[in-house]
N, C-alpha and C. Protein backbone atom coordinates (compact mmCIF):
# COMPACT_ATOMS: atom_id res chain seq x y z
N MET A 1 27.45 2.32 -2.66
CA MET A 1 26.65 2.11 -1.45
C MET A 1 25.22 1.74 -1.85
N ALA A 2 24.73 0.69 -1.31
CA ALA A 2 23.37 0.25 -1.65
C ALA A 2 22.35 1.29 -1.22
N MET A 3 21.36 1.49 -2.08
CA MET A 3 20.32 2.47 -1.76
C MET A 3 19.25 1.83 -0.88
N GLN A 4 18.93 2.48 0.20
CA GLN A 4 17.89 1.97 1.11
C GLN A 4 16.55 1.97 0.40
N SER A 5 15.79 0.95 0.63
CA SER A 5 14.47 0.85 0.00
C SER A 5 13.59 2.01 0.41
N THR A 6 13.13 2.77 -0.60
CA THR A 6 12.27 3.91 -0.31
C THR A 6 10.94 3.47 0.29
N LEU A 7 10.39 2.41 -0.24
CA LEU A 7 9.10 1.96 0.27
C LEU A 7 9.23 1.49 1.71
N ARG A 8 10.34 0.82 2.04
CA ARG A 8 10.53 0.39 3.41
C ARG A 8 10.72 1.58 4.33
N SER A 9 11.47 2.60 3.87
CA SER A 9 11.70 3.76 4.73
C SER A 9 10.40 4.52 4.97
N LEU A 10 9.54 4.57 3.98
CA LEU A 10 8.25 5.22 4.17
C LEU A 10 7.43 4.46 5.21
N ARG A 11 7.48 3.15 5.14
CA ARG A 11 6.70 2.33 6.05
C ARG A 11 7.23 2.45 7.48
N ASP A 12 8.56 2.43 7.64
CA ASP A 12 9.15 2.36 8.96
C ASP A 12 9.34 3.72 9.61
N SER A 13 9.30 4.78 8.83
CA SER A 13 9.62 6.09 9.37
C SER A 13 8.42 6.83 9.93
N ALA A 14 7.24 6.33 9.69
CA ALA A 14 6.03 6.99 10.18
C ALA A 14 5.29 6.07 11.13
N THR A 15 4.63 6.65 12.09
CA THR A 15 3.91 5.87 13.09
C THR A 15 2.75 5.11 12.45
N PRO A 16 2.71 3.77 12.59
CA PRO A 16 1.63 2.99 11.97
C PRO A 16 0.24 3.45 12.41
N LEU A 17 0.10 3.82 13.67
CA LEU A 17 -1.21 4.26 14.16
C LEU A 17 -1.67 5.52 13.43
N LEU A 18 -0.77 6.47 13.26
CA LEU A 18 -1.13 7.71 12.56
C LEU A 18 -1.43 7.44 11.09
N LEU A 19 -0.63 6.56 10.48
CA LEU A 19 -0.89 6.21 9.09
C LEU A 19 -2.25 5.53 8.94
N SER A 20 -2.54 4.62 9.86
CA SER A 20 -3.83 3.92 9.81
C SER A 20 -4.99 4.91 9.94
N PHE A 21 -4.86 5.83 10.89
CA PHE A 21 -5.90 6.83 11.10
C PHE A 21 -6.06 7.71 9.86
N GLY A 22 -4.95 8.13 9.29
CA GLY A 22 -5.01 8.96 8.10
C GLY A 22 -5.67 8.26 6.93
N LEU A 23 -5.34 6.98 6.73
CA LEU A 23 -5.94 6.21 5.65
C LEU A 23 -7.44 6.03 5.86
N LEU A 24 -7.84 5.81 7.10
CA LEU A 24 -9.27 5.66 7.40
C LEU A 24 -10.02 6.95 7.10
N ILE A 25 -9.43 8.08 7.48
CA ILE A 25 -10.09 9.37 7.21
C ILE A 25 -10.26 9.59 5.71
N VAL A 26 -9.22 9.28 4.95
CA VAL A 26 -9.29 9.45 3.49
C VAL A 26 -10.34 8.51 2.90
N LEU A 27 -10.36 7.27 3.37
CA LEU A 27 -11.31 6.29 2.83
C LEU A 27 -12.74 6.72 3.09
N VAL A 28 -13.07 7.01 4.35
CA VAL A 28 -14.44 7.38 4.70
C VAL A 28 -14.82 8.71 4.07
N GLY A 29 -13.89 9.66 4.09
CA GLY A 29 -14.18 10.99 3.55
C GLY A 29 -14.48 11.00 2.08
N THR A 30 -13.74 10.20 1.29
CA THR A 30 -13.95 10.21 -0.16
C THR A 30 -15.02 9.21 -0.59
N ARG A 31 -15.13 8.09 0.11
CA ARG A 31 -16.08 7.06 -0.30
C ARG A 31 -17.52 7.39 0.07
N SER A 32 -17.71 8.03 1.21
CA SER A 32 -19.07 8.28 1.68
C SER A 32 -19.70 9.54 1.09
N GLN A 33 -18.88 10.37 0.42
CA GLN A 33 -19.31 11.67 -0.07
C GLN A 33 -19.72 12.59 1.07
N PHE A 34 -19.30 12.25 2.30
CA PHE A 34 -19.59 13.11 3.44
C PHE A 34 -18.95 14.48 3.25
N VAL A 35 -17.71 14.47 2.75
CA VAL A 35 -16.99 15.73 2.53
C VAL A 35 -17.72 16.59 1.51
N ALA A 36 -18.10 15.95 0.41
CA ALA A 36 -18.77 16.70 -0.66
C ALA A 36 -20.10 17.28 -0.20
N GLU A 37 -20.79 16.57 0.68
CA GLU A 37 -22.11 17.01 1.11
C GLU A 37 -22.07 18.05 2.22
N HIS A 38 -21.02 18.02 3.06
CA HIS A 38 -21.03 18.84 4.27
C HIS A 38 -20.01 19.97 4.29
N LEU A 39 -18.92 19.84 3.53
CA LEU A 39 -17.91 20.91 3.57
C LEU A 39 -18.15 21.89 2.43
N HIS A 40 -19.25 22.58 2.51
CA HIS A 40 -19.59 23.54 1.45
C HIS A 40 -18.61 24.70 1.42
N PHE A 41 -17.93 24.96 2.54
CA PHE A 41 -16.99 26.07 2.60
C PHE A 41 -15.65 25.70 1.96
N ALA A 42 -15.44 24.41 1.65
CA ALA A 42 -14.16 24.00 1.08
C ALA A 42 -14.38 23.02 -0.07
N PRO A 43 -14.93 23.49 -1.20
CA PRO A 43 -15.22 22.59 -2.31
C PRO A 43 -13.97 21.92 -2.88
N TRP A 44 -12.80 22.51 -2.67
CA TRP A 44 -11.56 21.93 -3.17
C TRP A 44 -11.22 20.63 -2.46
N LEU A 45 -11.88 20.35 -1.32
CA LEU A 45 -11.62 19.11 -0.60
C LEU A 45 -12.41 17.93 -1.16
N ARG A 46 -13.35 18.21 -2.03
CA ARG A 46 -14.14 17.13 -2.60
C ARG A 46 -13.27 16.33 -3.56
N ALA A 47 -13.31 15.01 -3.44
CA ALA A 47 -12.41 14.19 -4.23
C ALA A 47 -13.06 12.85 -4.54
N PRO A 48 -12.61 12.20 -5.63
CA PRO A 48 -13.14 10.87 -5.97
C PRO A 48 -12.75 9.82 -4.92
N ASP A 49 -13.39 8.68 -5.02
CA ASP A 49 -13.18 7.58 -4.08
C ASP A 49 -11.72 7.12 -4.08
N ALA A 50 -11.13 7.03 -2.89
CA ALA A 50 -9.71 6.65 -2.76
C ALA A 50 -9.54 5.23 -2.21
N THR A 51 -10.59 4.42 -2.23
CA THR A 51 -10.54 3.11 -1.59
C THR A 51 -9.42 2.23 -2.10
N LEU A 52 -9.23 2.16 -3.41
CA LEU A 52 -8.19 1.28 -3.96
C LEU A 52 -6.81 1.69 -3.46
N ALA A 53 -6.54 2.98 -3.50
CA ALA A 53 -5.24 3.47 -3.04
C ALA A 53 -5.05 3.24 -1.56
N VAL A 54 -6.11 3.39 -0.78
CA VAL A 54 -6.02 3.19 0.67
C VAL A 54 -5.62 1.74 0.98
N PHE A 55 -6.25 0.77 0.34
CA PHE A 55 -5.90 -0.63 0.59
C PHE A 55 -4.48 -0.93 0.12
N PHE A 56 -4.09 -0.36 -1.00
CA PHE A 56 -2.74 -0.59 -1.51
C PHE A 56 -1.69 -0.01 -0.56
N LEU A 57 -1.89 1.22 -0.12
CA LEU A 57 -0.94 1.86 0.78
C LEU A 57 -0.93 1.19 2.15
N ALA A 58 -2.09 0.72 2.60
CA ALA A 58 -2.15 0.01 3.88
C ALA A 58 -1.30 -1.25 3.82
N GLY A 59 -1.38 -1.99 2.73
CA GLY A 59 -0.57 -3.18 2.58
C GLY A 59 0.91 -2.86 2.52
N MET A 60 1.23 -1.73 1.93
CA MET A 60 2.64 -1.36 1.75
C MET A 60 3.26 -0.80 3.03
N TRP A 61 2.49 -0.07 3.82
CA TRP A 61 3.03 0.65 4.96
C TRP A 61 2.84 -0.04 6.31
N ILE A 62 1.76 -0.78 6.47
CA ILE A 62 1.36 -1.19 7.82
C ILE A 62 1.33 -2.71 7.91
N ARG A 63 1.99 -3.25 8.93
CA ARG A 63 2.11 -4.69 9.08
C ARG A 63 0.85 -5.34 9.66
N SER A 64 0.02 -4.58 10.32
CA SER A 64 -1.12 -5.13 11.06
C SER A 64 -2.13 -5.81 10.14
N ILE A 65 -2.30 -7.12 10.30
CA ILE A 65 -3.30 -7.86 9.55
C ILE A 65 -4.72 -7.44 9.92
N PRO A 66 -5.02 -7.23 11.24
CA PRO A 66 -6.38 -6.82 11.61
C PRO A 66 -6.84 -5.52 10.95
N LEU A 67 -5.88 -4.71 10.48
CA LEU A 67 -6.27 -3.46 9.82
C LEU A 67 -7.12 -3.73 8.58
N ILE A 68 -6.91 -4.90 7.96
CA ILE A 68 -7.73 -5.24 6.78
C ILE A 68 -9.21 -5.25 7.16
N GLY A 69 -9.51 -5.89 8.27
CA GLY A 69 -10.89 -5.95 8.72
C GLY A 69 -11.43 -4.57 9.05
N VAL A 70 -10.59 -3.74 9.65
CA VAL A 70 -11.01 -2.38 9.99
C VAL A 70 -11.32 -1.60 8.72
N LEU A 71 -10.47 -1.73 7.71
CA LEU A 71 -10.69 -1.01 6.45
C LEU A 71 -11.94 -1.51 5.73
N LEU A 72 -12.16 -2.83 5.75
CA LEU A 72 -13.37 -3.37 5.12
C LEU A 72 -14.63 -2.88 5.84
N ALA A 73 -14.57 -2.85 7.18
CA ALA A 73 -15.71 -2.35 7.95
C ALA A 73 -15.93 -0.87 7.69
N ALA A 74 -14.83 -0.12 7.59
CA ALA A 74 -14.94 1.31 7.31
C ALA A 74 -15.53 1.56 5.93
N SER A 75 -15.19 0.71 4.97
CA SER A 75 -15.77 0.84 3.63
C SER A 75 -17.28 0.65 3.67
N ALA A 76 -17.72 -0.37 4.39
CA ALA A 76 -19.16 -0.62 4.52
C ALA A 76 -19.85 0.53 5.24
N LEU A 77 -19.21 1.05 6.30
CA LEU A 77 -19.77 2.18 7.03
C LEU A 77 -19.85 3.42 6.14
N ALA A 78 -18.81 3.63 5.34
CA ALA A 78 -18.80 4.78 4.44
C ALA A 78 -19.95 4.69 3.43
N ASP A 79 -20.21 3.47 2.96
CA ASP A 79 -21.32 3.29 2.03
C ASP A 79 -22.65 3.61 2.71
N GLN A 80 -22.81 3.19 3.95
CA GLN A 80 -24.03 3.49 4.68
C GLN A 80 -24.20 5.00 4.87
N LEU A 81 -23.10 5.70 5.14
CA LEU A 81 -23.15 7.16 5.25
C LEU A 81 -23.57 7.78 3.93
N ALA A 82 -23.05 7.21 2.85
CA ALA A 82 -23.42 7.73 1.53
C ALA A 82 -24.90 7.53 1.25
N PHE A 83 -25.42 6.33 1.58
CA PHE A 83 -26.84 6.07 1.36
C PHE A 83 -27.70 6.99 2.23
N ALA A 84 -27.24 7.25 3.44
CA ALA A 84 -27.97 8.15 4.35
C ALA A 84 -27.99 9.57 3.82
N ASN A 85 -27.01 9.91 2.98
CA ASN A 85 -26.95 11.25 2.41
C ASN A 85 -27.60 11.32 1.04
N GLY A 86 -28.34 10.29 0.68
CA GLY A 86 -29.11 10.34 -0.55
C GLY A 86 -28.50 9.66 -1.75
N VAL A 87 -27.33 9.03 -1.58
CA VAL A 87 -26.73 8.30 -2.69
C VAL A 87 -27.51 7.01 -2.92
N SER A 88 -27.75 6.68 -4.17
CA SER A 88 -28.52 5.48 -4.49
C SER A 88 -27.77 4.22 -4.06
N ASP A 89 -28.53 3.23 -3.55
CA ASP A 89 -27.93 1.95 -3.18
C ASP A 89 -28.12 0.91 -4.29
N TRP A 90 -28.27 1.38 -5.50
CA TRP A 90 -28.47 0.51 -6.67
C TRP A 90 -27.34 -0.50 -6.81
N CYS A 91 -26.14 -0.13 -6.39
CA CYS A 91 -24.98 -1.01 -6.56
C CYS A 91 -24.89 -2.10 -5.49
N VAL A 92 -25.72 -2.02 -4.47
CA VAL A 92 -25.67 -3.02 -3.39
C VAL A 92 -26.55 -4.20 -3.78
N THR A 93 -25.89 -5.24 -4.26
CA THR A 93 -26.57 -6.47 -4.69
C THR A 93 -25.81 -7.66 -4.11
N ALA A 94 -26.12 -8.85 -4.61
CA ALA A 94 -25.40 -10.04 -4.17
C ALA A 94 -23.91 -9.96 -4.52
N ALA A 95 -23.59 -9.10 -5.48
CA ALA A 95 -22.18 -8.95 -5.89
C ALA A 95 -21.38 -8.09 -4.92
N TYR A 96 -22.04 -7.43 -4.00
CA TYR A 96 -21.36 -6.51 -3.07
C TYR A 96 -20.26 -7.23 -2.28
N ALA A 97 -20.51 -8.49 -1.91
CA ALA A 97 -19.52 -9.25 -1.13
C ALA A 97 -18.24 -9.50 -1.91
N CYS A 98 -18.32 -9.45 -3.22
CA CYS A 98 -17.14 -9.70 -4.05
C CYS A 98 -16.14 -8.55 -3.97
N LEU A 99 -16.56 -7.44 -3.38
CA LEU A 99 -15.60 -6.35 -3.19
C LEU A 99 -14.52 -6.74 -2.19
N ILE A 100 -14.80 -7.69 -1.32
CA ILE A 100 -13.80 -8.10 -0.33
C ILE A 100 -12.57 -8.70 -1.01
N PRO A 101 -12.71 -9.73 -1.87
CA PRO A 101 -11.51 -10.23 -2.56
C PRO A 101 -10.91 -9.19 -3.49
N ALA A 102 -11.74 -8.32 -4.06
CA ALA A 102 -11.22 -7.28 -4.95
C ALA A 102 -10.28 -6.34 -4.19
N TYR A 103 -10.69 -5.91 -3.00
CA TYR A 103 -9.86 -5.01 -2.20
C TYR A 103 -8.64 -5.73 -1.63
N LEU A 104 -8.79 -7.02 -1.34
CA LEU A 104 -7.66 -7.78 -0.84
C LEU A 104 -6.56 -7.90 -1.88
N VAL A 105 -6.94 -7.89 -3.15
CA VAL A 105 -5.94 -7.88 -4.22
C VAL A 105 -5.05 -6.63 -4.10
N MET A 106 -5.68 -5.49 -3.84
CA MET A 106 -4.92 -4.26 -3.69
C MET A 106 -4.02 -4.32 -2.46
N TRP A 107 -4.55 -4.86 -1.36
CA TRP A 107 -3.77 -4.93 -0.12
C TRP A 107 -2.55 -5.84 -0.29
N TYR A 108 -2.75 -7.04 -0.86
CA TYR A 108 -1.64 -7.96 -1.04
C TYR A 108 -0.62 -7.41 -2.03
N SER A 109 -1.08 -6.67 -3.01
CA SER A 109 -0.15 -6.06 -3.96
C SER A 109 0.72 -5.02 -3.28
N GLY A 110 0.09 -4.20 -2.42
CA GLY A 110 0.87 -3.23 -1.66
C GLY A 110 1.87 -3.92 -0.75
N ARG A 111 1.46 -5.03 -0.14
CA ARG A 111 2.34 -5.79 0.74
C ARG A 111 3.54 -6.33 -0.05
N TYR A 112 3.29 -6.78 -1.27
CA TYR A 112 4.37 -7.27 -2.12
C TYR A 112 5.38 -6.17 -2.44
N CYS A 113 4.87 -4.93 -2.57
CA CYS A 113 5.73 -3.82 -2.97
C CYS A 113 6.50 -3.18 -1.82
N ARG A 114 6.28 -3.63 -0.60
CA ARG A 114 6.83 -2.94 0.56
C ARG A 114 8.36 -2.91 0.58
N ASP A 115 9.03 -3.88 -0.02
CA ASP A 115 10.49 -3.93 0.04
C ASP A 115 11.17 -3.62 -1.29
N LEU A 116 10.43 -3.08 -2.22
CA LEU A 116 11.04 -2.71 -3.50
C LEU A 116 11.94 -1.49 -3.31
N SER A 117 13.00 -1.43 -4.09
CA SER A 117 13.98 -0.35 -3.95
C SER A 117 13.76 0.76 -4.96
N LEU A 118 14.33 1.91 -4.68
CA LEU A 118 14.21 3.06 -5.57
C LEU A 118 15.30 2.97 -6.64
N THR A 119 15.09 2.05 -7.53
CA THR A 119 15.97 1.83 -8.68
C THR A 119 15.08 1.71 -9.90
N PRO A 120 15.62 1.86 -11.09
CA PRO A 120 14.77 1.71 -12.28
C PRO A 120 14.02 0.37 -12.29
N LYS A 121 14.70 -0.70 -11.88
CA LYS A 121 14.05 -2.00 -11.85
C LYS A 121 12.96 -2.04 -10.79
N GLY A 122 13.24 -1.46 -9.60
CA GLY A 122 12.25 -1.45 -8.53
C GLY A 122 11.04 -0.61 -8.88
N ILE A 123 11.27 0.55 -9.49
CA ILE A 123 10.16 1.43 -9.89
C ILE A 123 9.31 0.76 -10.97
N ALA A 124 9.98 0.11 -11.93
CA ALA A 124 9.25 -0.57 -13.00
C ALA A 124 8.41 -1.71 -12.44
N LYS A 125 8.96 -2.47 -11.48
CA LYS A 125 8.22 -3.56 -10.87
C LYS A 125 7.03 -3.01 -10.07
N PHE A 126 7.26 -1.92 -9.34
CA PHE A 126 6.19 -1.28 -8.58
C PHE A 126 5.05 -0.88 -9.50
N ALA A 127 5.38 -0.19 -10.60
CA ALA A 127 4.36 0.26 -11.55
C ALA A 127 3.62 -0.92 -12.16
N GLY A 128 4.37 -1.99 -12.49
CA GLY A 128 3.74 -3.16 -13.09
C GLY A 128 2.79 -3.85 -12.13
N VAL A 129 3.21 -4.02 -10.88
CA VAL A 129 2.36 -4.66 -9.88
C VAL A 129 1.10 -3.84 -9.65
N PHE A 130 1.28 -2.52 -9.55
CA PHE A 130 0.12 -1.65 -9.31
C PHE A 130 -0.85 -1.71 -10.48
N LEU A 131 -0.33 -1.68 -11.69
CA LEU A 131 -1.17 -1.73 -12.89
C LEU A 131 -1.95 -3.04 -12.96
N ILE A 132 -1.28 -4.14 -12.72
CA ILE A 132 -1.93 -5.46 -12.77
C ILE A 132 -2.96 -5.59 -11.65
N ALA A 133 -2.60 -5.14 -10.44
CA ALA A 133 -3.51 -5.24 -9.30
C ALA A 133 -4.78 -4.44 -9.55
N THR A 134 -4.62 -3.24 -10.08
CA THR A 134 -5.78 -2.39 -10.34
C THR A 134 -6.68 -3.00 -11.40
N TRP A 135 -6.07 -3.62 -12.40
CA TRP A 135 -6.86 -4.27 -13.45
C TRP A 135 -7.62 -5.48 -12.89
N ILE A 136 -6.94 -6.30 -12.08
CA ILE A 136 -7.61 -7.46 -11.48
C ILE A 136 -8.77 -7.02 -10.59
N GLU A 137 -8.53 -5.98 -9.79
CA GLU A 137 -9.60 -5.45 -8.93
C GLU A 137 -10.77 -4.96 -9.77
N PHE A 138 -10.47 -4.28 -10.85
CA PHE A 138 -11.51 -3.76 -11.74
C PHE A 138 -12.33 -4.90 -12.33
N VAL A 139 -11.66 -5.96 -12.75
CA VAL A 139 -12.35 -7.11 -13.35
C VAL A 139 -13.21 -7.82 -12.31
N ILE A 140 -12.66 -8.06 -11.11
CA ILE A 140 -13.43 -8.75 -10.07
C ILE A 140 -14.68 -7.97 -9.70
N SER A 141 -14.50 -6.68 -9.42
CA SER A 141 -15.63 -5.88 -8.96
C SER A 141 -16.70 -5.71 -10.04
N ASN A 142 -16.27 -5.52 -11.27
CA ASN A 142 -17.25 -5.28 -12.33
C ASN A 142 -17.85 -6.56 -12.89
N HIS A 143 -17.05 -7.62 -13.03
CA HIS A 143 -17.62 -8.84 -13.59
C HIS A 143 -18.54 -9.53 -12.59
N SER A 144 -18.21 -9.43 -11.31
CA SER A 144 -19.11 -9.99 -10.30
C SER A 144 -20.45 -9.24 -10.31
N PHE A 145 -20.39 -7.94 -10.55
CA PHE A 145 -21.62 -7.16 -10.64
C PHE A 145 -22.45 -7.62 -11.84
N PHE A 146 -21.77 -7.91 -12.94
CA PHE A 146 -22.45 -8.41 -14.12
C PHE A 146 -23.10 -9.78 -13.86
N LEU A 147 -22.38 -10.64 -13.14
CA LEU A 147 -22.86 -12.01 -12.92
C LEU A 147 -23.95 -12.11 -11.86
N PHE A 148 -23.81 -11.34 -10.77
CA PHE A 148 -24.64 -11.58 -9.60
C PHE A 148 -25.65 -10.48 -9.25
N SER A 149 -25.58 -9.36 -9.94
CA SER A 149 -26.48 -8.26 -9.58
C SER A 149 -27.91 -8.51 -10.01
N GLY A 150 -28.08 -9.30 -11.08
CA GLY A 150 -29.41 -9.55 -11.60
C GLY A 150 -29.92 -8.46 -12.52
N TYR A 151 -29.07 -7.50 -12.84
CA TYR A 151 -29.49 -6.38 -13.68
C TYR A 151 -29.29 -6.63 -15.18
N PHE A 152 -28.55 -7.67 -15.55
CA PHE A 152 -28.18 -7.85 -16.96
C PHE A 152 -28.54 -9.24 -17.48
N PRO A 153 -29.77 -9.67 -17.32
CA PRO A 153 -30.13 -11.04 -17.73
C PRO A 153 -30.04 -11.27 -19.23
N ASN A 154 -30.21 -10.22 -20.02
CA ASN A 154 -30.23 -10.38 -21.48
C ASN A 154 -29.01 -9.79 -22.16
N MET A 155 -28.00 -9.43 -21.38
CA MET A 155 -26.80 -8.82 -21.95
C MET A 155 -25.66 -9.82 -21.99
N SER A 156 -24.97 -9.85 -23.11
CA SER A 156 -23.83 -10.77 -23.23
C SER A 156 -22.62 -10.19 -22.50
N THR A 157 -21.67 -11.07 -22.19
CA THR A 157 -20.44 -10.63 -21.53
C THR A 157 -19.69 -9.62 -22.39
N ALA A 158 -19.63 -9.89 -23.69
CA ALA A 158 -18.92 -8.99 -24.59
C ALA A 158 -19.56 -7.60 -24.61
N GLU A 159 -20.88 -7.56 -24.65
CA GLU A 159 -21.57 -6.27 -24.67
C GLU A 159 -21.34 -5.51 -23.35
N TYR A 160 -21.41 -6.25 -22.25
CA TYR A 160 -21.20 -5.60 -20.94
C TYR A 160 -19.82 -4.97 -20.87
N TRP A 161 -18.81 -5.73 -21.26
CA TRP A 161 -17.45 -5.20 -21.16
C TRP A 161 -17.16 -4.11 -22.20
N SER A 162 -17.85 -4.15 -23.31
CA SER A 162 -17.68 -3.07 -24.29
C SER A 162 -18.18 -1.75 -23.74
N LYS A 163 -19.14 -1.81 -22.80
CA LYS A 163 -19.68 -0.60 -22.19
C LYS A 163 -18.91 -0.22 -20.92
N THR A 164 -18.24 -1.21 -20.31
CA THR A 164 -17.59 -0.98 -19.01
C THR A 164 -16.13 -0.61 -19.12
N ILE A 165 -15.44 -1.14 -20.09
CA ILE A 165 -13.98 -0.98 -20.18
C ILE A 165 -13.55 0.48 -20.28
N ARG A 166 -14.41 1.34 -20.79
CA ARG A 166 -14.06 2.74 -20.97
C ARG A 166 -13.83 3.46 -19.65
N TYR A 167 -14.34 2.88 -18.56
CA TYR A 167 -14.17 3.52 -17.25
C TYR A 167 -12.83 3.19 -16.60
N TYR A 168 -12.13 2.19 -17.14
CA TYR A 168 -10.89 1.76 -16.49
C TYR A 168 -9.79 2.83 -16.47
N PRO A 169 -9.55 3.56 -17.55
CA PRO A 169 -8.47 4.56 -17.50
C PRO A 169 -8.63 5.57 -16.36
N LEU A 170 -9.84 6.09 -16.17
CA LEU A 170 -10.06 7.04 -15.07
C LEU A 170 -9.95 6.34 -13.72
N TYR A 171 -10.41 5.11 -13.67
CA TYR A 171 -10.32 4.27 -12.47
C TYR A 171 -8.85 4.13 -12.06
N LEU A 172 -8.01 3.79 -13.03
CA LEU A 172 -6.57 3.63 -12.78
C LEU A 172 -5.92 4.96 -12.45
N GLU A 173 -6.32 6.00 -13.15
CA GLU A 173 -5.71 7.32 -12.97
C GLU A 173 -5.86 7.82 -11.54
N TRP A 174 -7.07 7.77 -11.01
CA TRP A 174 -7.27 8.30 -9.66
C TRP A 174 -6.60 7.43 -8.61
N ALA A 175 -6.59 6.12 -8.80
CA ALA A 175 -5.88 5.26 -7.86
C ALA A 175 -4.40 5.60 -7.85
N ALA A 176 -3.83 5.81 -9.02
CA ALA A 176 -2.41 6.15 -9.12
C ALA A 176 -2.12 7.51 -8.50
N ILE A 177 -3.00 8.48 -8.73
CA ILE A 177 -2.81 9.82 -8.17
C ILE A 177 -2.79 9.76 -6.65
N TYR A 178 -3.71 9.02 -6.08
CA TYR A 178 -3.76 8.92 -4.61
C TYR A 178 -2.52 8.22 -4.05
N VAL A 179 -2.08 7.15 -4.71
CA VAL A 179 -0.90 6.43 -4.23
C VAL A 179 0.34 7.31 -4.29
N VAL A 180 0.54 7.98 -5.41
CA VAL A 180 1.71 8.85 -5.55
C VAL A 180 1.63 10.01 -4.56
N ALA A 181 0.44 10.59 -4.41
CA ALA A 181 0.28 11.69 -3.46
C ALA A 181 0.55 11.24 -2.03
N GLY A 182 0.03 10.07 -1.66
CA GLY A 182 0.26 9.55 -0.32
C GLY A 182 1.73 9.32 -0.04
N MET A 183 2.42 8.72 -0.99
CA MET A 183 3.85 8.46 -0.82
C MET A 183 4.63 9.76 -0.75
N ALA A 184 4.25 10.74 -1.56
CA ALA A 184 4.94 12.02 -1.55
C ALA A 184 4.76 12.75 -0.23
N ILE A 185 3.53 12.72 0.29
CA ILE A 185 3.25 13.41 1.56
C ILE A 185 4.04 12.80 2.70
N VAL A 186 4.01 11.46 2.80
CA VAL A 186 4.74 10.79 3.87
C VAL A 186 6.24 11.01 3.72
N SER A 187 6.71 10.97 2.48
CA SER A 187 8.14 11.19 2.23
C SER A 187 8.57 12.60 2.62
N ALA A 188 7.68 13.58 2.41
CA ALA A 188 8.01 14.96 2.76
C ALA A 188 7.96 15.19 4.26
N ILE A 189 7.03 14.50 4.93
CA ILE A 189 6.87 14.69 6.37
C ILE A 189 7.98 14.01 7.16
N THR A 190 8.50 12.90 6.63
CA THR A 190 9.47 12.10 7.37
C THR A 190 10.72 12.89 7.80
N PRO A 191 11.38 13.66 6.91
CA PRO A 191 12.56 14.41 7.35
C PRO A 191 12.23 15.41 8.46
N LEU A 192 11.08 16.08 8.34
CA LEU A 192 10.67 17.04 9.38
C LEU A 192 10.45 16.33 10.70
N ARG A 193 9.80 15.19 10.64
CA ARG A 193 9.55 14.42 11.86
C ARG A 193 10.86 13.98 12.51
N ASN A 194 11.80 13.52 11.70
CA ASN A 194 13.09 13.11 12.24
C ASN A 194 13.86 14.28 12.83
N TYR A 195 13.75 15.45 12.18
CA TYR A 195 14.43 16.64 12.68
C TYR A 195 13.88 17.05 14.05
N VAL A 196 12.55 17.02 14.18
CA VAL A 196 11.93 17.37 15.46
C VAL A 196 12.37 16.42 16.56
N ARG A 197 12.45 15.15 16.22
CA ARG A 197 12.90 14.15 17.20
C ARG A 197 14.33 14.44 17.66
N GLN A 198 15.18 14.79 16.71
CA GLN A 198 16.57 15.08 17.06
C GLN A 198 16.68 16.31 17.94
N GLN A 199 15.84 17.31 17.69
CA GLN A 199 15.88 18.52 18.49
C GLN A 199 15.43 18.28 19.93
N ARG A 200 14.60 17.28 20.13
CA ARG A 200 14.10 16.98 21.46
C ARG A 200 15.10 16.19 22.31
N ARG A 201 16.11 15.64 21.65
CA ARG A 201 17.10 14.85 22.40
C ARG A 201 18.09 15.77 23.16
C-alpha cells in the first residue's frame, strides 16, 4: 500500500489560518526579541530567530501566495520592534532589501517539498533541498551585506567569507531545529484534532 505523503498530510490536516497565525507569532516573537525583553517570568521562552524556518514551513504548509507579503511585512515590523527595544539598526543598509529574495528562496524550497513522501528517498530529498536552500539564503543575505552595506570598502571577498562562514553551522542548526519541531508539533496535534472532530459527529 502506498504511503501517504507526510508533508501533504501535515499541510492538509491543519487549518491554514491557524498555521499562518502560529507562524506569524513565532516569527515576530523570535525576530523582534520582544519575548526576550518582556517575558522575564519565562526565560525558557527566549529563542533565536526563526525567520528561515517560518518561510520554509509556510511554503510547505500553506497555499496562499499573499501570505508571503504578510510574512515579509511581519519581518519588517519585527525588526522595528527590535529597534524600539534598543537593538542596534547597524544591519539596516542598502542590502536590507536583498533579504526579500533570500527569504523567497526558503519559501519556494518549502513549496517544492510539500509533496515529498515519508520514504528514505523522500527524506533524503527533503534534507538536501533544505540544506541547499539554507546555504543559498545564507550566501544571498551575507554577500549582499558585503557588497551594498558600505562597511567593507577595503576588505576582500575572500577575507569577508573567511570571517563569515563560521556562522553557517549554527545558522543551519537553528533553522533545522525549528523546522523539525514545527513538523513534530503539527504531526502530534493532528490525530487529537481528528479525534475531537469524530467525537463531535
